[in-house]
Amino acid sequence: QVQLVESGGGLVQAGGSLRLSCVASGRTFSNYGMGWFRQAPGKEREFVASIGRSGGSTYYQDSVEGRFTISRDNAKNTMYLQMNSLKPEDTAVYYCARRLLAYAVGAYGPNAYDYWGQGTQVTVSS
């Protein structure tokens, strides 16, 4: 059983920054690609960014590219999402997820991911 725990969310003004972390249990973290999703009230969960097993490949939703950076530290079983130039429309609960082995880094559908964290709230005020 894999557990994913997110942290780092909070309230920030527009234009500010936050860094989210996702810590995974177990010893197989480096064998799997990972991703970040978010869900705003009344909306479906949407893809934000994903990263390959070694961290060398990344993929972003168009609306966050250039503002968000996904990274990972396999020695610490941790994935990160650095969010800069935040906008009110970035307000959502952010989830980390583990990608199934059958899917490539560009897979953006939730069904490509099997384990999910509990989420961390990000609120951007205008």
Foldseek 3Di string as FASTA:
>chain_A
DKAKAKDWADEEAQQAKIKMKIAMDDLCLLVWKKFKWWDDPPGDIWGAKIAGSVRPDIDGDPVQPPFWDWGADSVRRMIMIIGGRDDQVVWTWMKMFTADPVDDRPDIDPVRTDDMHPTDTHGYHD
